[in-house]
Amino acid sequence: MAYTLITANRNYSSWSLRPWVLMKALGIAFTDRVEPFTKPVNYEDFRSFSPTGQVPLLIDGERSIWDSLGIALYLADRHDGVWPQDEAARAWAQCAVAEMHSGFSTLRNDCTMNVGVRVKPKAMSAALQKDVGRLAELWAQGLDSFGGPWLAGPDFSAVDAFFAPVAFRVRTYGLEVGAAGQAWVDRMLAHPAMQQWEAEALAEDWREASHEAELAACGAVLADYRTA
């Protein structure tokens, strides 16, 4: 079984991070292929390898698996550990993953992912406060219900991977997610796979103007640790 996972820029691509960190954390081997964002819309370029013109994309032989959730479901049919073994934890994790995949739109828009910077956000809207409050509630629920230290119990699973981009966002924007949530964020940021992603993000020397403009719209950049 020889997988290739196609992802985009480490600094920007939150959707790419999810299957990448899941596969790294579970020890699922893959060839790592980066196709960077080079313009505001990369659809036509990415259509050469992805049916949706988007990343991430998992290639398994002649088969292409698209969308971060589609990839997680595909891997779960072939590898242990994608979902928790405990039935209650698994049900909760799958609901939380679905909620992350389809929700938190204000968080995505107002706190765009950029791993290598620290930002003083603009005044938080009521909608953003609602999203952040829901994060704190959801994470605390999982940690309390299943005993931690990961969101659905003792082992890293897909639910941790799907909230991995949010861990970076919490640090970038200084978001308040409660004591339990912050403990999980700290654990996530210390995970070797997350450390590798961050190191590669800081080493990137390309910038894409529209992504940088989105960042500037989110607030004032206090520090930029990316390579010049």
Protein backbone atom coordinates (compact mmCIF):
# COMPACT_ATOMS: atom_id res chain seq x y z
CA MET A 1 0.00 0.00 0.00
CA ALA A 2 1.75 3.16 -1.22
CA TYR A 3 -0.03 6.42 -0.53
CA THR A 4 0.79 9.89 -1.83
CA LEU A 5 -0.75 12.81 0.05
CA ILE A 6 -0.91 16.12 -1.82
CA THR A 7 -1.08 19.21 0.37
CA ALA A 8 -0.43 22.95 0.06
CA ASN A 9 1.50 25.58 1.99
CA ARG A 10 2.21 24.65 5.60
CA ASN A 11 1.51 28.18 6.81
CA TYR A 12 -1.88 28.54 5.15
CA SER A 13 -3.52 25.20 4.39
CA SER A 14 -5.60 24.15 7.37
CA TRP A 15 -7.48 21.53 5.34
CA SER A 16 -4.17 19.93 4.32
CA LEU A 17 -2.98 19.69 7.90
CA ARG A 18 -5.78 17.39 9.01
CA PRO A 19 -5.00 14.20 7.04
CA TRP A 20 -1.27 14.95 7.12
CA VAL A 21 -1.07 15.08 10.92
CA LEU A 22 -3.45 12.13 11.26
CA MET A 23 -1.30 9.92 9.06
CA LYS A 24 1.91 11.08 10.74
CA ALA A 25 0.51 10.52 14.23
CA LEU A 26 -0.77 7.04 13.39
CA GLY A 27 2.39 6.01 11.57
CA ILE A 28 0.65 5.57 8.20
CA ALA A 29 3.42 5.91 5.63
CA PHE A 30 2.96 8.20 2.64
CA THR A 31 4.86 10.18 0.05
CA ASP A 32 4.55 13.85 0.91
CA ARG A 33 3.87 16.10 -2.10
CA VAL A 34 3.40 19.87 -1.70
CA GLU A 35 1.58 21.95 -4.32
CA PRO A 36 1.72 25.54 -3.04
CA PHE A 37 -0.93 28.17 -3.44
CA THR A 38 0.52 30.59 -5.99
CA LYS A 39 -2.53 32.79 -6.65
CA PRO A 40 -5.87 33.69 -5.02
CA VAL A 41 -7.65 30.91 -6.95
CA ASN A 42 -5.65 27.80 -7.80
CA TYR A 43 -8.54 25.78 -9.21
CA GLU A 44 -7.31 25.35 -12.78
CA ASP A 45 -3.78 24.41 -11.71
CA PHE A 46 -4.98 21.94 -9.09
CA ARG A 47 -7.51 20.39 -11.48
CA SER A 48 -4.55 18.71 -13.17
CA PHE A 49 -4.38 16.31 -10.22
CA SER A 50 -7.54 16.88 -8.11
CA PRO A 51 -11.15 16.43 -9.31
CA THR A 52 -12.27 19.34 -7.11
CA GLY A 53 -9.34 21.60 -7.91
CA GLN A 54 -8.52 21.60 -4.20
CA VAL A 55 -6.22 19.95 -1.67
CA PRO A 56 -5.74 17.73 0.23
CA LEU A 57 -5.85 14.74 -2.07
CA LEU A 58 -4.81 11.18 -1.23
CA ILE A 59 -3.62 8.96 -4.07
CA ASP A 60 -3.80 5.22 -3.52
CA GLY A 61 -2.66 3.50 -6.69
CA GLU A 62 -5.14 4.42 -9.41
CA ARG A 63 -7.61 5.79 -6.86
CA SER A 64 -7.91 9.46 -5.84
CA ILE A 65 -9.52 10.31 -2.51
CA TRP A 66 -10.48 13.96 -2.02
CA ASP A 67 -11.55 16.15 0.90
CA SER A 68 -10.07 15.85 4.39
CA LEU A 69 -13.12 14.02 5.71
CA GLY A 70 -13.25 11.69 2.72
CA ILE A 71 -9.59 10.85 3.33
CA ALA A 72 -10.17 10.17 7.03
CA LEU A 73 -13.10 7.86 6.25
CA TYR A 74 -11.06 6.03 3.62
CA LEU A 75 -8.15 5.52 5.99
CA ALA A 76 -10.48 4.34 8.77
CA ASP A 77 -11.53 1.42 6.56
CA ARG A 78 -7.90 0.37 6.19
CA HIS A 79 -6.07 1.32 9.39
CA ASP A 80 -6.69 1.02 13.10
CA GLY A 81 -6.74 4.08 15.31
CA VAL A 82 -8.44 6.63 13.07
CA TRP A 83 -11.47 6.49 15.39
CA PRO A 84 -11.50 5.58 19.10
CA GLN A 85 -12.26 1.93 19.92
CA ASP A 86 -14.75 2.84 22.65
CA GLU A 87 -18.22 3.10 21.10
CA ALA A 88 -19.30 6.22 23.01
CA ALA A 89 -16.01 7.98 22.35
CA ARG A 90 -16.18 7.03 18.68
CA ALA A 91 -19.71 8.42 18.32
CA TRP A 92 -18.71 11.67 20.01
CA ALA A 93 -15.54 11.96 17.93
CA GLN A 94 -17.42 11.46 14.68
CA CYS A 95 -19.98 14.11 15.61
CA ALA A 96 -17.24 16.55 16.62
CA VAL A 97 -15.37 15.94 13.35
CA ALA A 98 -18.56 16.53 11.37
CA GLU A 99 -19.21 19.75 13.31
CA MET A 100 -15.69 21.01 12.62
CA HIS A 101 -15.91 20.05 8.97
CA SER A 102 -19.15 21.93 8.36
CA GLY A 103 -19.15 24.63 11.03
CA PHE A 104 -17.11 27.35 12.73
CA SER A 105 -17.29 29.54 9.62
CA THR A 106 -16.67 32.79 11.49
CA LEU A 107 -13.58 31.36 13.15
CA ARG A 108 -12.26 30.33 9.73
CA ASN A 109 -12.93 33.75 8.21
CA ASP A 110 -11.91 36.00 11.10
CA CYS A 111 -8.90 33.95 12.24
CA THR A 112 -7.31 32.63 9.07
CA MET A 113 -4.60 30.04 9.67
CA ASN A 114 -1.04 31.27 9.49
CA VAL A 115 1.30 29.12 11.56
CA GLY A 116 4.30 31.43 11.63
CA VAL A 117 2.81 34.64 13.00
CA ARG A 118 1.25 36.06 16.15
CA VAL A 119 -1.64 38.45 15.78
CA LYS A 120 -3.54 40.89 17.95
CA PRO A 121 -7.06 40.27 16.61
CA LYS A 122 -9.57 42.96 15.93
CA ALA A 123 -12.51 43.29 18.30
CA MET A 124 -14.24 39.92 18.39
CA SER A 125 -17.71 39.84 16.88
CA ALA A 126 -20.55 38.08 18.65
CA ALA A 127 -20.37 35.34 16.02
CA LEU A 128 -16.66 34.76 16.66
CA GLN A 129 -17.21 34.71 20.41
CA LYS A 130 -19.90 32.09 19.84
CA ASP A 131 -17.52 29.91 17.82
CA VAL A 132 -14.73 30.19 20.38
CA GLY A 133 -17.14 29.49 23.22
CA ARG A 134 -18.38 26.39 21.44
CA LEU A 135 -14.80 25.19 20.97
CA ALA A 136 -14.12 25.52 24.68
CA GLU A 137 -17.36 23.71 25.51
CA LEU A 138 -16.82 20.90 23.02
CA TRP A 139 -13.20 20.25 23.97
CA ALA A 140 -13.97 20.28 27.69
CA GLN A 141 -16.82 17.84 27.09
CA GLY A 142 -14.60 15.36 25.27
CA LEU A 143 -11.75 15.61 27.75
CA ASP A 144 -14.06 15.23 30.72
CA SER A 145 -16.17 12.44 29.24
CA PHE A 146 -13.36 10.21 28.01
CA GLY A 147 -10.54 11.03 30.42
CA GLY A 148 -8.06 12.64 28.05
CA PRO A 149 -5.36 13.49 27.39
CA TRP A 150 -6.66 13.54 23.81
CA LEU A 151 -10.11 14.79 22.90
CA ALA A 152 -11.73 11.34 22.76
CA GLY A 153 -9.63 9.44 25.26
CA PRO A 154 -6.11 8.09 25.75
CA ASP A 155 -5.12 7.91 22.08
CA PHE A 156 -4.72 10.48 19.31
CA SER A 157 -7.49 10.07 16.73
CA ALA A 158 -9.18 11.82 13.83
CA VAL A 159 -10.97 14.28 16.11
CA ASP A 160 -7.62 15.64 17.32
CA ALA A 161 -6.40 15.88 13.73
CA PHE A 162 -9.50 17.78 12.62
CA PHE A 163 -9.04 20.40 15.33
CA ALA A 164 -5.26 20.62 14.78
CA PRO A 165 -5.55 23.79 12.64
CA VAL A 166 -7.56 25.38 15.44
CA ALA A 167 -4.72 24.66 17.89
CA PHE A 168 -2.48 26.82 15.71
CA ARG A 169 -5.20 29.48 15.50
CA VAL A 170 -5.59 29.57 19.30
CA ARG A 171 -1.89 30.34 19.62
CA THR A 172 -1.71 32.76 16.70
CA TYR A 173 -4.61 34.92 17.92
CA GLY A 174 -4.40 34.30 21.68
CA LEU A 175 -7.93 32.88 21.83
CA GLU A 176 -9.35 31.94 25.23
CA VAL A 177 -10.58 28.35 25.20
CA GLY A 178 -10.61 27.55 28.93
CA ALA A 179 -8.14 25.63 31.04
CA ALA A 180 -9.01 22.20 29.66
CA GLY A 181 -8.99 23.44 26.08
CA GLN A 182 -5.67 25.21 26.51
CA ALA A 183 -4.12 22.07 28.01
CA TRP A 184 -5.17 20.16 24.90
CA VAL A 185 -3.81 22.93 22.63
CA ASP A 186 -0.46 22.78 24.44
CA ARG A 187 -0.37 19.00 24.06
CA MET A 188 -1.21 19.26 20.37
CA LEU A 189 1.45 21.87 19.68
CA ALA A 190 4.03 19.65 21.40
CA HIS A 191 3.15 16.60 19.30
CA PRO A 192 6.08 15.60 17.03
CA ALA A 193 3.91 15.71 13.92
CA MET A 194 2.70 19.22 14.72
CA GLN A 195 6.27 20.27 15.48
CA GLN A 196 7.37 18.97 12.08
CA TRP A 197 4.54 20.81 10.29
CA GLU A 198 5.44 24.02 12.13
CA ALA A 199 9.14 23.70 11.32
CA GLU A 200 8.32 23.29 7.65
CA ALA A 201 5.91 26.24 7.82
CA LEU A 202 8.58 28.50 9.29
CA ALA A 203 11.04 27.41 6.61
CA GLU A 204 8.74 28.33 3.72
CA ASP A 205 10.08 31.30 1.79
CA TRP A 206 7.11 31.93 -0.48
CA ARG A 207 4.17 34.21 0.19
CA GLU A 208 0.80 34.41 -1.54
CA ALA A 209 -0.62 37.92 -1.63
CA SER A 210 -4.30 37.14 -1.05
CA HIS A 211 -3.54 34.94 1.96
CA GLU A 212 -1.33 37.67 3.40
CA ALA A 213 -4.13 40.20 2.82
CA GLU A 214 -6.57 37.93 4.68
CA LEU A 215 -4.12 37.81 7.57
CA ALA A 216 -3.78 41.60 7.65
CA ALA A 217 -7.57 41.90 7.76
CA CYS A 218 -7.70 39.70 10.86
CA GLY A 219 -5.65 42.05 13.03
CA ALA A 220 -2.22 43.51 13.70
CA VAL A 221 0.75 41.18 13.21
CA LEU A 222 2.82 41.29 16.40
CA ALA A 223 5.51 38.82 15.36
CA ASP A 224 6.45 36.92 12.23
CA TYR A 225 8.71 33.90 12.73
CA ARG A 226 8.74 32.77 9.10
CA THR A 227 11.94 32.80 7.11
CA ALA A 228 12.48 36.06 5.25
